[in-house]
Every structure is written in C-alpha cells, then in structure tokens.
Amino acid sequence: EDWNAQIMANEDKLSPLAMVMQRLAILEEEKNAADRRLEEEYERRMDNEDKFYLEKRRVLEEAIEDIQRDAFSDMNGGGGVEKKVE
C-alpha cells in the first residue's frame, strides 16, 4: 500500500500527532519572535554602550587637556589658569 494512503486511512489515529506538531510549530514561532526581540535589545544595548563610551572618552580627554594646560602653566610660572566652566 502507498504510504500516503496509509496515512490518510489512519488520519484519526494520527490527529493527536498533528496537534503535537502544530503545538511544536507554534512554540518554534514564539521562540523565533523572542530571539528577534533579544537581538533588537542587544543592538540597542550596544548602541547605548557606544554612546556612553564616547561620552566617557570625551570627559577624559577634556580632563587630560585641563591637567596638561595647568601643568604647562605651572612649569612656565604662570601660576593658575582659570578653568572655563561649562
């Protein structure tokens, strides 16, 4: 007998299997949706990390400039240099 014909003949016996397969397919879709959300969140997190890294770097570079300017001024006998307040 043809395999398809056997399946069709026993469809009522196989319906629980079809339900299980459908549930598994739904679970797989839910997992894929959750994975996409996680990937989007990861991308936003990396953007956030980049943003704060650049901001920290800017703050440190400004601090280095201030320290170097003050040190140079002290070495040249300039006393103190007024720091600009932003």
Protein backbone atom coordinates (compact mmCIF):
# COMPACT_ATOMS: atom_id res chain seq x y z
CA GLU A 1 0.00 0.00 0.00
CA ASP A 2 1.02 3.51 -0.69
CA TRP A 3 2.44 5.33 2.35
CA ASN A 4 0.19 8.37 1.78
CA ALA A 5 -2.85 6.12 1.58
CA GLN A 6 -1.90 4.57 4.92
CA ILE A 7 -1.57 7.99 6.47
CA MET A 8 -4.95 9.05 5.12
CA ALA A 9 -6.55 5.83 6.29
CA ASN A 10 -5.20 6.33 9.79
CA GLU A 11 -5.71 10.07 9.97
CA ASP A 12 -7.98 9.82 13.01
CA LYS A 13 -5.31 7.87 14.87
CA LEU A 14 -2.66 10.38 13.81
CA SER A 15 -4.61 13.51 14.72
CA PRO A 16 -3.00 13.71 18.20
CA LEU A 17 0.36 13.70 16.42
CA ALA A 18 -0.84 16.54 14.18
CA MET A 19 -1.84 18.50 17.28
CA VAL A 20 1.59 17.92 18.81
CA MET A 21 3.30 19.00 15.59
CA GLN A 22 1.13 22.13 15.47
CA ARG A 23 1.98 22.97 19.07
CA LEU A 24 5.67 22.45 18.32
CA ALA A 25 5.40 24.76 15.31
CA ILE A 26 3.74 27.43 17.46
CA LEU A 27 6.47 27.09 20.09
CA GLU A 28 9.12 27.45 17.38
CA GLU A 29 7.44 30.63 16.10
CA GLU A 30 7.32 32.02 19.65
CA LYS A 31 10.99 31.20 20.15
CA ASN A 32 11.92 32.93 16.89
CA ALA A 33 9.92 36.01 17.89
CA ALA A 34 11.64 36.06 21.31
CA ASP A 35 15.05 35.67 19.64
CA ARG A 36 14.28 38.63 17.35
CA ARG A 37 13.32 40.74 20.37
CA LEU A 38 16.53 39.76 22.14
CA GLU A 39 18.57 40.63 19.06
CA GLU A 40 16.91 44.04 18.84
CA GLU A 41 17.54 44.62 22.54
CA TYR A 42 21.17 43.57 22.12
CA GLU A 43 21.58 46.06 19.27
CA ARG A 44 20.07 48.85 21.38
CA ARG A 45 22.32 47.89 24.27
CA MET A 46 25.41 48.04 22.05
CA ASP A 47 24.31 51.46 20.74
CA ASN A 48 23.91 52.58 24.34
CA GLU A 49 27.36 51.22 25.24
CA ASP A 50 28.88 53.05 22.29
CA LYS A 51 27.16 56.29 23.25
CA PHE A 52 28.38 56.17 26.85
CA TYR A 53 31.86 55.04 25.82
CA LEU A 54 32.18 58.07 23.56
CA GLU A 55 30.87 60.37 26.29
CA LYS A 56 33.30 58.93 28.86
CA ARG A 57 36.12 59.31 26.38
CA ARG A 58 35.18 62.96 25.76
CA VAL A 59 35.14 63.66 29.52
CA LEU A 60 38.54 62.01 29.98
CA GLU A 61 40.05 63.86 27.02
CA GLU A 62 38.80 67.17 28.42
CA ALA A 63 40.27 66.29 31.82
CA ILE A 64 43.61 65.45 30.20
CA GLU A 65 43.62 68.79 28.36
CA ASP A 66 42.86 70.66 31.60
CA ILE A 67 45.57 68.81 33.51
CA GLN A 68 48.14 69.34 30.76
CA ARG A 69 47.26 73.02 30.45
CA ASP A 70 47.55 73.51 34.23
CA ALA A 71 50.84 71.59 34.37
CA PHE A 72 52.30 73.58 31.48
CA SER A 73 51.16 76.83 33.03
CA ASP A 74 52.76 75.89 36.37
CA MET A 75 56.03 74.97 34.65
CA ASN A 76 56.12 78.35 32.91
CA GLY A 77 55.47 80.20 36.13
CA GLY A 78 52.04 81.23 35.05
CA GLY A 79 50.50 80.42 38.35
CA GLY A 80 46.99 79.15 37.92
CA VAL A 81 44.94 79.32 34.82
CA GLU A 82 41.25 79.91 35.20
CA LYS A 83 39.32 76.89 34.15
CA LYS A 84 36.37 77.51 31.99
CA VAL A 85 33.08 76.41 33.45
CA GLU A 86 30.61 74.83 31.06
